[in-house]
Amino acid sequence: MSDMGGELNSDHSLNRRMPLWMNPRPGRIRVFIDVPFKNNFGSAGMVACNDTTQILQLCAQCFKTDSSFETELLALKFGAETCKALN
């Protein structure tokens, strides 16, 4: 394993593995949320997809925070409120 998130091949080239995401079961929705934090500002980006990978919602929000942990919590709140609004 290398520091770059992959395995080294015998010729010393990097073999990166992409995560394997399976589609949710029919009738279910998969939600991805990601956050950056810098200089007391954070933001959250969210995408919600159905079982056919159709994007149902794509949104973002920015906020002032004191820590990366607070940013993560606000992002989870943002995601939960957005999903609730979508029903």
N, C-alpha and C. Protein backbone atom coordinates (compact mmCIF):
# COMPACT_ATOMS: atom_id res chain seq x y z
N MET A 1 0.85 -1.18 0.00
CA MET A 1 0.00 0.00 0.00
C MET A 1 0.89 1.24 0.00
N SER A 2 0.52 2.21 -0.78
CA SER A 2 1.31 3.44 -0.82
C SER A 2 0.58 4.54 -0.07
N ASP A 3 1.26 5.67 0.14
CA ASP A 3 0.64 6.81 0.79
C ASP A 3 -0.38 7.49 -0.12
N MET A 4 -0.40 7.12 -1.38
CA MET A 4 -1.26 7.80 -2.35
C MET A 4 -2.60 7.09 -2.54
N GLY A 5 -2.94 6.13 -1.69
CA GLY A 5 -4.25 5.50 -1.75
C GLY A 5 -4.38 4.39 -2.76
N GLY A 6 -3.33 3.71 -3.08
CA GLY A 6 -3.39 2.59 -4.01
C GLY A 6 -2.29 1.60 -3.70
N GLU A 7 -2.17 0.58 -4.52
CA GLU A 7 -1.12 -0.41 -4.35
C GLU A 7 -0.08 -0.24 -5.44
N LEU A 8 1.17 -0.51 -5.10
CA LEU A 8 2.23 -0.42 -6.09
C LEU A 8 2.33 -1.74 -6.85
N ASN A 9 2.38 -1.65 -8.17
CA ASN A 9 2.57 -2.83 -9.01
C ASN A 9 4.05 -3.21 -8.99
N SER A 10 4.38 -4.37 -9.55
CA SER A 10 5.77 -4.83 -9.57
C SER A 10 6.68 -3.88 -10.34
N ASP A 11 6.13 -3.12 -11.30
CA ASP A 11 6.95 -2.15 -12.04
C ASP A 11 6.94 -0.77 -11.37
N HIS A 12 6.49 -0.72 -10.12
CA HIS A 12 6.45 0.49 -9.30
C HIS A 12 5.44 1.53 -9.77
N SER A 13 4.54 1.15 -10.67
CA SER A 13 3.46 2.06 -11.03
C SER A 13 2.34 1.90 -10.01
N LEU A 14 1.53 2.91 -9.88
CA LEU A 14 0.47 2.91 -8.89
C LEU A 14 -0.81 2.35 -9.47
N ASN A 15 -1.37 1.37 -8.78
CA ASN A 15 -2.64 0.77 -9.18
C ASN A 15 -3.73 1.37 -8.29
N ARG A 16 -4.42 2.37 -8.77
CA ARG A 16 -5.48 3.00 -7.98
C ARG A 16 -6.77 2.21 -8.15
N ARG A 17 -7.41 2.00 -7.04
CA ARG A 17 -8.71 1.33 -7.07
C ARG A 17 -9.80 2.34 -6.80
N MET A 18 -10.78 2.35 -7.66
CA MET A 18 -11.92 3.23 -7.46
C MET A 18 -12.93 2.51 -6.58
N PRO A 19 -13.63 3.25 -5.71
CA PRO A 19 -14.64 2.59 -4.88
C PRO A 19 -15.74 2.02 -5.76
N LEU A 20 -16.24 0.88 -5.38
CA LEU A 20 -17.32 0.23 -6.11
C LEU A 20 -18.63 0.54 -5.39
N TRP A 21 -19.43 1.39 -5.99
CA TRP A 21 -20.72 1.73 -5.40
C TRP A 21 -21.80 0.95 -6.14
N MET A 22 -22.59 0.23 -5.39
CA MET A 22 -23.70 -0.51 -5.99
C MET A 22 -24.93 0.37 -5.91
N ASN A 23 -25.81 0.22 -6.89
CA ASN A 23 -27.05 0.98 -6.89
C ASN A 23 -27.91 0.53 -5.72
N PRO A 24 -28.68 1.45 -5.14
CA PRO A 24 -29.60 1.05 -4.06
C PRO A 24 -30.71 0.16 -4.62
N ARG A 25 -31.37 -0.54 -3.74
CA ARG A 25 -32.51 -1.37 -4.17
C ARG A 25 -33.60 -0.50 -4.76
N PRO A 26 -34.42 -1.04 -5.65
CA PRO A 26 -35.51 -0.24 -6.24
C PRO A 26 -36.37 0.40 -5.15
N GLY A 27 -36.70 1.66 -5.37
CA GLY A 27 -37.50 2.40 -4.42
C GLY A 27 -36.69 3.11 -3.34
N ARG A 28 -35.39 2.85 -3.31
CA ARG A 28 -34.52 3.48 -2.32
C ARG A 28 -33.72 4.60 -2.98
N ILE A 29 -33.19 5.51 -2.16
CA ILE A 29 -32.41 6.63 -2.65
C ILE A 29 -31.05 6.63 -1.95
N ARG A 30 -30.00 6.90 -2.69
CA ARG A 30 -28.66 7.02 -2.12
C ARG A 30 -28.29 8.50 -2.10
N VAL A 31 -27.77 8.93 -0.95
CA VAL A 31 -27.41 10.33 -0.76
C VAL A 31 -25.92 10.42 -0.42
N PHE A 32 -25.21 11.29 -1.13
CA PHE A 32 -23.80 11.57 -0.86
C PHE A 32 -23.68 13.01 -0.40
N ILE A 33 -22.93 13.23 0.68
CA ILE A 33 -22.67 14.58 1.18
C ILE A 33 -21.17 14.71 1.39
N ASP A 34 -20.61 15.84 0.97
CA ASP A 34 -19.19 16.10 1.17
C ASP A 34 -19.02 17.53 1.64
N VAL A 35 -17.98 17.75 2.47
CA VAL A 35 -17.77 19.08 3.03
C VAL A 35 -16.30 19.49 3.00
N PRO A 36 -16.02 20.72 2.63
CA PRO A 36 -14.70 21.30 2.86
C PRO A 36 -14.80 22.33 4.00
N PHE A 37 -13.70 22.57 4.68
CA PHE A 37 -13.65 23.56 5.75
C PHE A 37 -12.32 24.29 5.66
N LYS A 38 -12.37 25.63 5.70
CA LYS A 38 -11.15 26.43 5.68
C LYS A 38 -11.46 27.83 6.20
N ASN A 39 -10.58 28.34 7.05
CA ASN A 39 -10.68 29.71 7.56
C ASN A 39 -12.06 30.04 8.12
N ASN A 40 -12.57 29.16 8.94
CA ASN A 40 -13.87 29.34 9.60
C ASN A 40 -15.07 29.42 8.66
N PHE A 41 -14.91 28.86 7.48
CA PHE A 41 -16.04 28.73 6.56
C PHE A 41 -16.11 27.30 6.08
N GLY A 42 -17.33 26.81 5.97
CA GLY A 42 -17.54 25.46 5.47
C GLY A 42 -18.66 25.47 4.47
N SER A 43 -18.76 24.40 3.74
CA SER A 43 -19.87 24.24 2.81
C SER A 43 -20.21 22.76 2.72
N ALA A 44 -21.39 22.50 2.24
CA ALA A 44 -21.84 21.12 2.07
C ALA A 44 -22.39 20.97 0.66
N GLY A 45 -22.01 19.91 0.02
CA GLY A 45 -22.55 19.57 -1.29
C GLY A 45 -23.26 18.24 -1.17
N MET A 46 -24.42 18.12 -1.76
CA MET A 46 -25.22 16.91 -1.65
C MET A 46 -25.76 16.50 -3.00
N VAL A 47 -25.75 15.20 -3.25
CA VAL A 47 -26.39 14.65 -4.44
C VAL A 47 -27.20 13.42 -4.00
N ALA A 48 -28.42 13.34 -4.48
CA ALA A 48 -29.30 12.21 -4.20
C ALA A 48 -29.64 11.53 -5.51
N CYS A 49 -29.47 10.21 -5.55
CA CYS A 49 -29.72 9.42 -6.76
C CYS A 49 -30.68 8.27 -6.45
N ASN A 50 -31.44 7.88 -7.47
CA ASN A 50 -32.32 6.73 -7.28
C ASN A 50 -31.61 5.45 -7.75
N ASP A 51 -32.35 4.36 -7.82
CA ASP A 51 -31.75 3.05 -8.15
C ASP A 51 -31.31 2.95 -9.61
N THR A 52 -31.69 3.91 -10.45
CA THR A 52 -31.22 3.91 -11.84
C THR A 52 -30.14 4.97 -12.06
N THR A 53 -29.57 5.48 -10.97
CA THR A 53 -28.54 6.53 -10.93
C THR A 53 -29.01 7.87 -11.48
N GLN A 54 -30.31 8.07 -11.58
CA GLN A 54 -30.85 9.36 -11.98
C GLN A 54 -30.68 10.32 -10.82
N ILE A 55 -30.14 11.51 -11.09
CA ILE A 55 -29.96 12.50 -10.03
C ILE A 55 -31.31 13.13 -9.71
N LEU A 56 -31.72 13.00 -8.45
CA LEU A 56 -32.99 13.54 -8.00
C LEU A 56 -32.83 14.92 -7.38
N GLN A 57 -31.70 15.16 -6.73
CA GLN A 57 -31.45 16.44 -6.09
C GLN A 57 -29.96 16.70 -6.09
N LEU A 58 -29.59 17.91 -6.39
CA LEU A 58 -28.20 18.36 -6.36
C LEU A 58 -28.22 19.74 -5.74
N CYS A 59 -27.56 19.91 -4.58
CA CYS A 59 -27.62 21.19 -3.90
C CYS A 59 -26.38 21.42 -3.05
N ALA A 60 -26.21 22.66 -2.63
CA ALA A 60 -25.06 23.03 -1.81
C ALA A 60 -25.47 24.16 -0.87
N GLN A 61 -24.70 24.28 0.20
CA GLN A 61 -24.95 25.35 1.17
C GLN A 61 -23.62 25.75 1.80
N CYS A 62 -23.44 27.05 2.05
CA CYS A 62 -22.24 27.55 2.71
C CYS A 62 -22.62 28.07 4.10
N PHE A 63 -21.69 27.97 5.05
CA PHE A 63 -21.95 28.46 6.40
C PHE A 63 -20.64 28.79 7.11
N LYS A 64 -20.75 29.65 8.13
CA LYS A 64 -19.61 30.02 8.96
C LYS A 64 -19.57 29.07 10.14
N THR A 65 -18.41 28.45 10.37
CA THR A 65 -18.26 27.49 11.46
C THR A 65 -16.93 27.71 12.18
N ASP A 66 -16.81 27.09 13.33
CA ASP A 66 -15.59 27.22 14.13
C ASP A 66 -14.65 26.03 14.01
N SER A 67 -15.13 24.93 13.42
CA SER A 67 -14.27 23.74 13.33
C SER A 67 -14.75 22.83 12.20
N SER A 68 -13.89 21.92 11.80
CA SER A 68 -14.27 20.95 10.78
C SER A 68 -15.36 20.02 11.31
N PHE A 69 -15.31 19.72 12.62
CA PHE A 69 -16.34 18.86 13.22
C PHE A 69 -17.71 19.53 13.14
N GLU A 70 -17.77 20.82 13.48
CA GLU A 70 -19.04 21.56 13.37
C GLU A 70 -19.52 21.58 11.92
N THR A 71 -18.59 21.71 10.98
CA THR A 71 -18.94 21.70 9.56
C THR A 71 -19.59 20.37 9.19
N GLU A 72 -19.01 19.26 9.65
CA GLU A 72 -19.57 17.93 9.37
C GLU A 72 -20.98 17.81 9.94
N LEU A 73 -21.18 18.29 11.17
CA LEU A 73 -22.51 18.21 11.79
C LEU A 73 -23.53 19.06 11.05
N LEU A 74 -23.14 20.27 10.65
CA LEU A 74 -24.05 21.12 9.89
C LEU A 74 -24.38 20.50 8.53
N ALA A 75 -23.41 19.83 7.93
CA ALA A 75 -23.66 19.17 6.65
C ALA A 75 -24.67 18.03 6.81
N LEU A 76 -24.53 17.26 7.89
CA LEU A 76 -25.50 16.19 8.14
C LEU A 76 -26.90 16.76 8.36
N LYS A 77 -26.98 17.85 9.11
CA LYS A 77 -28.28 18.51 9.34
C LYS A 77 -28.86 18.99 8.01
N PHE A 78 -28.02 19.63 7.20
CA PHE A 78 -28.44 20.10 5.88
C PHE A 78 -28.96 18.94 5.03
N GLY A 79 -28.25 17.84 5.02
CA GLY A 79 -28.66 16.67 4.24
C GLY A 79 -29.97 16.08 4.74
N ALA A 80 -30.12 15.97 6.06
CA ALA A 80 -31.34 15.40 6.62
C ALA A 80 -32.55 16.30 6.34
N GLU A 81 -32.36 17.61 6.49
CA GLU A 81 -33.46 18.54 6.22
C GLU A 81 -33.85 18.53 4.74
N THR A 82 -32.86 18.45 3.87
CA THR A 82 -33.13 18.42 2.43
C THR A 82 -33.88 17.15 2.06
N CYS A 83 -33.46 16.02 2.60
CA CYS A 83 -34.13 14.75 2.31
C CYS A 83 -35.56 14.75 2.85
N LYS A 84 -35.75 15.31 4.04
CA LYS A 84 -37.09 15.39 4.61
C LYS A 84 -38.00 16.24 3.73
N ALA A 85 -37.48 17.34 3.21
CA ALA A 85 -38.26 18.21 2.33
C ALA A 85 -38.64 17.50 1.03
N LEU A 86 -37.78 16.57 0.58
CA LEU A 86 -38.08 15.81 -0.64
C LEU A 86 -39.08 14.69 -0.38
N ASN A 87 -39.29 14.37 0.89
CA ASN A 87 -40.16 13.30 1.33
C ASN A 87 -39.55 11.96 1.01
